């Protein structure tokens, strides 16, 4: 967006104060918290268990910011790419990995021997479309569409079709979905 190559980012893009300096966010459609995944044989169920241990995070994420600010006693091992971070956990280079709960829940389902022992950590964040700073015409259009779709319960229906098959009983739609841009 900054280089004028795309008009909108509609992905797993968490709204942060830092990102708000670069882009304008539309109304949110999902809410997330941090989650922590670890081997079932050494399951981390409380952040206090991470003291003196190595936590894998991806650079520039809310997990990195949260742990640096709130838990300096936890040693962070930082990676540029999510794939490298997950591989580090698989290889045993860290005791656990933290990122959005939606990501670690899905990953743990696909990777036997791992479990999300902390499903919600820190303040919830939202995921929302982003447009170029100052593109109010596109921003307003997206917001209107999100509000309209919310009246049709679109995002819950989309969750049931696309995400429920992935998460199963590990997550509930009401814990992740935002209808009409209104966070409960």
C-alpha atoms as a PDB file:
ATOM      1  CA  UNK A   1       0.000   0.000   0.000  1.00  0.00           C
ATOM      2  CA  UNK A   2       2.741   2.429   0.901  1.00  0.00           C
ATOM      3  CA  UNK A   3       4.380   1.877  -2.499  1.00  0.00           C
ATOM      4  CA  UNK A   4       1.007   2.217  -4.325  1.00  0.00           C
ATOM      5  CA  UNK A   5       0.995  -1.403  -5.519  1.00  0.00           C
ATOM      6  CA  UNK A   6      -2.207  -2.455  -3.724  1.00  0.00           C
ATOM      7  CA  UNK A   7      -5.304  -0.599  -2.573  1.00  0.00           C
ATOM      8  CA  UNK A   8      -6.398  -2.818   0.299  1.00  0.00           C
ATOM      9  CA  UNK A   9      -4.932  -5.402   2.628  1.00  0.00           C
ATOM     10  CA  UNK A  10      -7.508  -7.957   3.654  1.00  0.00           C
ATOM     11  CA  UNK A  11      -5.580 -10.569   5.570  1.00  0.00           C
ATOM     12  CA  UNK A  12      -4.670 -11.526   9.104  1.00  0.00           C
ATOM     13  CA  UNK A  13      -3.621  -7.908   9.734  1.00  0.00           C
ATOM     14  CA  UNK A  14      -3.828  -6.919  13.401  1.00  0.00           C
ATOM     15  CA  UNK A  15      -4.703  -3.308  14.169  1.00  0.00           C
ATOM     16  CA  UNK A  16      -1.819  -1.692  16.094  1.00  0.00           C
ATOM     17  CA  UNK A  17      -0.904   1.888  16.941  1.00  0.00           C
ATOM     18  CA  UNK A  18       2.301   1.545  14.917  1.00  0.00           C
ATOM     19  CA  UNK A  19       0.430   0.336  11.842  1.00  0.00           C
ATOM     20  CA  UNK A  20      -2.141   3.129  12.211  1.00  0.00           C
ATOM     21  CA  UNK A  21       0.686   5.571  11.438  1.00  0.00           C
ATOM     22  CA  UNK A  22       1.138   3.903   8.039  1.00  0.00           C
ATOM     23  CA  UNK A  23      -2.389   2.890   6.971  1.00  0.00           C
ATOM     24  CA  UNK A  24      -6.049   3.568   7.730  1.00  0.00           C
ATOM     25  CA  UNK A  25      -7.973   0.638   9.161  1.00  0.00           C
ATOM     26  CA  UNK A  26     -11.582  -0.157   8.345  1.00  0.00           C
ATOM     27  CA  UNK A  27     -13.990  -1.682  10.847  1.00  0.00           C
ATOM     28  CA  UNK A  28     -12.779  -5.002  12.266  1.00  0.00           C
ATOM     29  CA  UNK A  29     -14.133  -8.419  11.318  1.00  0.00           C
ATOM     30  CA  UNK A  30     -12.195 -10.580  13.790  1.00  0.00           C
ATOM     31  CA  UNK A  31     -10.786 -10.340  17.285  1.00  0.00           C
ATOM     32  CA  UNK A  32      -7.744 -12.172  18.541  1.00  0.00           C
ATOM     33  CA  UNK A  33      -5.588 -12.510  21.604  1.00  0.00           C
ATOM     34  CA  UNK A  34      -2.169 -13.995  21.986  1.00  0.00           C
ATOM     35  CA  UNK A  35      -1.885 -17.727  22.384  1.00  0.00           C
ATOM     36  CA  UNK A  36       1.024 -19.898  23.468  1.00  0.00           C
ATOM     37  CA  UNK A  37       1.695 -23.318  21.951  1.00  0.00           C
ATOM     38  CA  UNK A  38       4.171 -25.795  23.391  1.00  0.00           C
ATOM     39  CA  UNK A  39       4.908 -29.512  23.347  1.00  0.00           C
ATOM     40  CA  UNK A  40       2.285 -31.562  25.194  1.00  0.00           C
ATOM     41  CA  UNK A  41       5.109 -33.178  27.161  1.00  0.00           C
ATOM     42  CA  UNK A  42       6.096 -29.776  28.624  1.00  0.00           C
ATOM     43  CA  UNK A  43       2.806 -27.896  28.305  1.00  0.00           C
ATOM     44  CA  UNK A  44       2.857 -24.193  29.197  1.00  0.00           C
ATOM     45  CA  UNK A  45      -0.501 -23.279  30.768  1.00  0.00           C
ATOM     46  CA  UNK A  46       0.507 -20.112  32.633  1.00  0.00           C
ATOM     47  CA  UNK A  47       2.821 -17.299  31.588  1.00  0.00           C
ATOM     48  CA  UNK A  48       4.718 -17.726  34.890  1.00  0.00           C
ATOM     49  CA  UNK A  49       5.974 -21.068  33.555  1.00  0.00           C
ATOM     50  CA  UNK A  50       7.893 -19.176  30.855  1.00  0.00           C
ATOM     51  CA  UNK A  51      10.222 -17.486  33.348  1.00  0.00           C
ATOM     52  CA  UNK A  52      13.760 -18.573  32.546  1.00  0.00           C
ATOM     53  CA  UNK A  53      12.595 -20.361  29.403  1.00  0.00           C
ATOM     54  CA  UNK A  54      12.914 -19.491  25.736  1.00  0.00           C
ATOM     55  CA  UNK A  55       9.817 -18.217  23.963  1.00  0.00           C
ATOM     56  CA  UNK A  56       9.813 -18.076  20.189  1.00  0.00           C
ATOM     57  CA  UNK A  57       8.203 -15.004  18.602  1.00  0.00           C
ATOM     58  CA  UNK A  58       8.111 -13.458  15.159  1.00  0.00           C
ATOM     59  CA  UNK A  59       9.696 -10.020  14.810  1.00  0.00           C
ATOM     60  CA  UNK A  60       7.322  -7.078  14.540  1.00  0.00           C
ATOM     61  CA  UNK A  61       4.320  -8.901  15.991  1.00  0.00           C
ATOM     62  CA  UNK A  62       2.064  -8.125  18.920  1.00  0.00           C
ATOM     63  CA  UNK A  63       3.601 -11.122  20.716  1.00  0.00           C
ATOM     64  CA  UNK A  64       7.065  -9.572  20.572  1.00  0.00           C
ATOM     65  CA  UNK A  65       5.753  -6.234  21.852  1.00  0.00           C
ATOM     66  CA  UNK A  66       3.634  -7.813  24.594  1.00  0.00           C
ATOM     67  CA  UNK A  67       6.391  -9.978  26.037  1.00  0.00           C
ATOM     68  CA  UNK A  68       9.071  -7.270  25.832  1.00  0.00           C
ATOM     69  CA  UNK A  69       6.808  -4.859  27.707  1.00  0.00           C
ATOM     70  CA  UNK A  70       5.060  -7.150  30.191  1.00  0.00           C
ATOM     71  CA  UNK A  71       7.385 -10.102  30.725  1.00  0.00           C
ATOM     72  CA  UNK A  72      11.047  -9.096  30.413  1.00  0.00           C
ATOM     73  CA  UNK A  73      11.930 -12.198  32.456  1.00  0.00           C
ATOM     74  CA  UNK A  74      11.071 -14.367  29.452  1.00  0.00           C
ATOM     75  CA  UNK A  75      13.934 -14.920  27.000  1.00  0.00           C
ATOM     76  CA  UNK A  76      12.709 -14.204  23.470  1.00  0.00           C
ATOM     77  CA  UNK A  77      14.068 -15.964  20.425  1.00  0.00           C
ATOM     78  CA  UNK A  78      13.023 -13.866  17.422  1.00  0.00           C
ATOM     79  CA  UNK A  79      12.503 -14.918  13.824  1.00  0.00           C
ATOM     80  CA  UNK A  80      11.732 -12.900  10.703  1.00  0.00           C
ATOM     81  CA  UNK A  81       9.267 -15.419   9.267  1.00  0.00           C
ATOM     82  CA  UNK A  82       6.450 -17.403  10.852  1.00  0.00           C
ATOM     83  CA  UNK A  83       7.612 -20.538   9.059  1.00  0.00           C
ATOM     84  CA  UNK A  84      11.055 -20.226  10.671  1.00  0.00           C
ATOM     85  CA  UNK A  85       9.488 -19.673  14.096  1.00  0.00           C
ATOM     86  CA  UNK A  86       7.283 -22.755  13.819  1.00  0.00           C
ATOM     87  CA  UNK A  87      10.243 -24.794  12.564  1.00  0.00           C
ATOM     88  CA  UNK A  88      12.272 -23.644  15.579  1.00  0.00           C
ATOM     89  CA  UNK A  89       9.535 -24.959  17.869  1.00  0.00           C
ATOM     90  CA  UNK A  90       9.421 -28.264  15.994  1.00  0.00           C
ATOM     91  CA  UNK A  91      13.214 -28.519  16.282  1.00  0.00           C
ATOM     92  CA  UNK A  92      13.148 -27.829  20.026  1.00  0.00           C
ATOM     93  CA  UNK A  93      15.073 -24.540  19.815  1.00  0.00           C
ATOM     94  CA  UNK A  94      12.549 -22.943  22.161  1.00  0.00           C
ATOM     95  CA  UNK A  95      10.140 -24.030  24.866  1.00  0.00           C
ATOM     96  CA  UNK A  96       7.035 -22.438  23.338  1.00  0.00           C
ATOM     97  CA  UNK A  97       5.843 -20.110  20.569  1.00  0.00           C
ATOM     98  CA  UNK A  98       3.478 -17.161  20.893  1.00  0.00           C
ATOM     99  CA  UNK A  99       1.453 -15.388  18.242  1.00  0.00           C
ATOM    100  CA  UNK A 100      -2.253 -14.776  17.559  1.00  0.00           C
ATOM    101  CA  UNK A 101      -4.390 -17.476  19.148  1.00  0.00           C
ATOM    102  CA  UNK A 102      -6.087 -18.171  15.818  1.00  0.00           C
ATOM    103  CA  UNK A 103      -2.749 -19.163  14.325  1.00  0.00           C
ATOM    104  CA  UNK A 104      -1.431 -21.331  17.149  1.00  0.00           C
ATOM    105  CA  UNK A 105      -4.778 -23.113  17.548  1.00  0.00           C
ATOM    106  CA  UNK A 106      -4.803 -24.122  13.890  1.00  0.00           C
ATOM    107  CA  UNK A 107      -1.120 -25.063  13.945  1.00  0.00           C
ATOM    108  CA  UNK A 108      -1.466 -27.277  17.032  1.00  0.00           C
ATOM    109  CA  UNK A 109      -4.332 -29.178  15.414  1.00  0.00           C
ATOM    110  CA  UNK A 110      -2.098 -29.939  12.417  1.00  0.00           C
ATOM    111  CA  UNK A 111       0.992 -30.765  14.481  1.00  0.00           C
ATOM    112  CA  UNK A 112       0.425 -33.674  16.814  1.00  0.00           C
ATOM    113  CA  UNK A 113       2.361 -33.516  20.042  1.00  0.00           C
ATOM    114  CA  UNK A 114       1.718 -29.795  20.490  1.00  0.00           C
ATOM    115  CA  UNK A 115      -1.059 -28.020  22.345  1.00  0.00           C
ATOM    116  CA  UNK A 116      -2.169 -24.469  23.037  1.00  0.00           C
ATOM    117  CA  UNK A 117      -1.979 -24.260  26.823  1.00  0.00           C
ATOM    118  CA  UNK A 118      -2.671 -20.510  26.918  1.00  0.00           C
ATOM    119  CA  UNK A 119      -5.514 -19.610  24.555  1.00  0.00           C
ATOM    120  CA  UNK A 120      -5.966 -15.954  25.512  1.00  0.00           C
ATOM    121  CA  UNK A 121      -3.224 -13.693  26.811  1.00  0.00           C
ATOM    122  CA  UNK A 122      -3.125  -9.912  26.986  1.00  0.00           C
ATOM    123  CA  UNK A 123      -5.702  -7.502  25.704  1.00  0.00           C
ATOM    124  CA  UNK A 124      -7.699  -8.647  22.694  1.00  0.00           C
ATOM    125  CA  UNK A 125      -6.759  -7.081  19.376  1.00  0.00           C
ATOM    126  CA  UNK A 126      -8.801  -6.761  16.228  1.00  0.00           C
ATOM    127  CA  UNK A 127      -8.125  -7.750  12.650  1.00  0.00           C
ATOM    128  CA  UNK A 128      -9.356  -5.350  10.010  1.00  0.00           C
ATOM    129  CA  UNK A 129      -8.895  -4.393   6.379  1.00  0.00           C
ATOM    130  CA  UNK A 130      -6.387  -1.613   5.757  1.00  0.00           C
ATOM    131  CA  UNK A 131      -6.188   0.995   3.016  1.00  0.00           C
ATOM    132  CA  UNK A 132      -3.694   3.649   2.045  1.00  0.00           C
ATOM    133  CA  UNK A 133      -3.553   6.532   4.490  1.00  0.00           C
ATOM    134  CA  UNK A 134      -6.086   9.150   3.434  1.00  0.00           C
ATOM    135  CA  UNK A 135      -8.086   6.975   1.020  1.00  0.00           C
ATOM    136  CA  UNK A 136     -11.382   7.877   2.695  1.00  0.00           C
ATOM    137  CA  UNK A 137     -13.514   6.919  -0.304  1.00  0.00           C
ATOM    138  CA  UNK A 138     -12.359   3.298  -0.214  1.00  0.00           C
ATOM    139  CA  UNK A 139     -12.330   3.243   3.595  1.00  0.00           C
ATOM    140  CA  UNK A 140     -15.940   4.456   3.779  1.00  0.00           C
ATOM    141  CA  UNK A 141     -17.024   1.925   1.149  1.00  0.00           C
ATOM    142  CA  UNK A 142     -15.424  -0.956   3.057  1.00  0.00           C
ATOM    143  CA  UNK A 143     -16.952   0.194   6.348  1.00  0.00           C
ATOM    144  CA  UNK A 144     -20.412   0.397   4.773  1.00  0.00           C
ATOM    145  CA  UNK A 145     -20.028  -3.122   3.368  1.00  0.00           C
ATOM    146  CA  UNK A 146     -18.845  -4.523   6.712  1.00  0.00           C
ATOM    147  CA  UNK A 147     -21.858  -2.960   8.454  1.00  0.00           C
ATOM    148  CA  UNK A 148     -24.214  -4.318   5.782  1.00  0.00           C
ATOM    149  CA  UNK A 149     -22.688  -7.801   5.964  1.00  0.00           C
ATOM    150  CA  UNK A 150     -22.946  -7.726   9.753  1.00  0.00           C
ATOM    151  CA  UNK A 151     -26.720  -7.345   9.506  1.00  0.00           C
ATOM    152  CA  UNK A 152     -26.753 -10.570   7.474  1.00  0.00           C
ATOM    153  CA  UNK A 153     -24.605 -12.397  10.068  1.00  0.00           C
ATOM    154  CA  UNK A 154     -22.141 -12.915   7.216  1.00  0.00           C
ATOM    155  CA  UNK A 155     -18.990 -13.244   9.296  1.00  0.00           C
ATOM    156  CA  UNK A 156     -20.431 -15.972  11.532  1.00  0.00           C
ATOM    157  CA  UNK A 157     -21.595 -17.846   8.435  1.00  0.00           C
ATOM    158  CA  UNK A 158     -18.163 -17.456   6.847  1.00  0.00           C
ATOM    159  CA  UNK A 159     -16.540 -18.721  10.052  1.00  0.00           C
ATOM    160  CA  UNK A 160     -18.727 -21.829  10.049  1.00  0.00           C
ATOM    161  CA  UNK A 161     -17.863 -22.575   6.409  1.00  0.00           C
ATOM    162  CA  UNK A 162     -14.168 -21.769   6.435  1.00  0.00           C
ATOM    163  CA  UNK A 163     -12.683 -21.737   9.931  1.00  0.00           C
ATOM    164  CA  UNK A 164     -14.808 -24.135  11.961  1.00  0.00           C
ATOM    165  CA  UNK A 165     -13.541 -27.101   9.912  1.00  0.00           C
ATOM    166  CA  UNK A 166     -10.015 -26.056  10.930  1.00  0.00           C
ATOM    167  CA  UNK A 167     -10.586 -25.199  14.590  1.00  0.00           C
ATOM    168  CA  UNK A 168     -13.359 -27.635  15.444  1.00  0.00           C
ATOM    169  CA  UNK A 169     -14.139 -27.365  19.148  1.00  0.00           C
ATOM    170  CA  UNK A 170     -10.818 -25.616  19.903  1.00  0.00           C
ATOM    171  CA  UNK A 171     -12.431 -22.213  19.212  1.00  0.00           C
ATOM    172  CA  UNK A 172     -15.891 -20.674  19.199  1.00  0.00           C
ATOM    173  CA  UNK A 173     -17.117 -18.252  16.544  1.00  0.00           C
ATOM    174  CA  UNK A 174     -18.295 -15.721  19.134  1.00  0.00           C
ATOM    175  CA  UNK A 175     -14.768 -15.583  20.577  1.00  0.00           C
ATOM    176  CA  UNK A 176     -13.243 -14.654  17.222  1.00  0.00           C
ATOM    177  CA  UNK A 177     -15.848 -13.088  14.938  1.00  0.00           C
ATOM    178  CA  UNK A 178     -16.849  -9.419  14.900  1.00  0.00           C
ATOM    179  CA  UNK A 179     -20.151  -8.700  13.149  1.00  0.00           C
ATOM    180  CA  UNK A 180     -20.732  -5.317  11.569  1.00  0.00           C
ATOM    181  CA  UNK A 181     -17.476  -3.918  12.946  1.00  0.00           C
ATOM    182  CA  UNK A 182     -18.820  -3.831  16.515  1.00  0.00           C
ATOM    183  CA  UNK A 183     -16.583  -5.513  19.105  1.00  0.00           C
ATOM    184  CA  UNK A 184     -18.481  -6.883  22.104  1.00  0.00           C
END
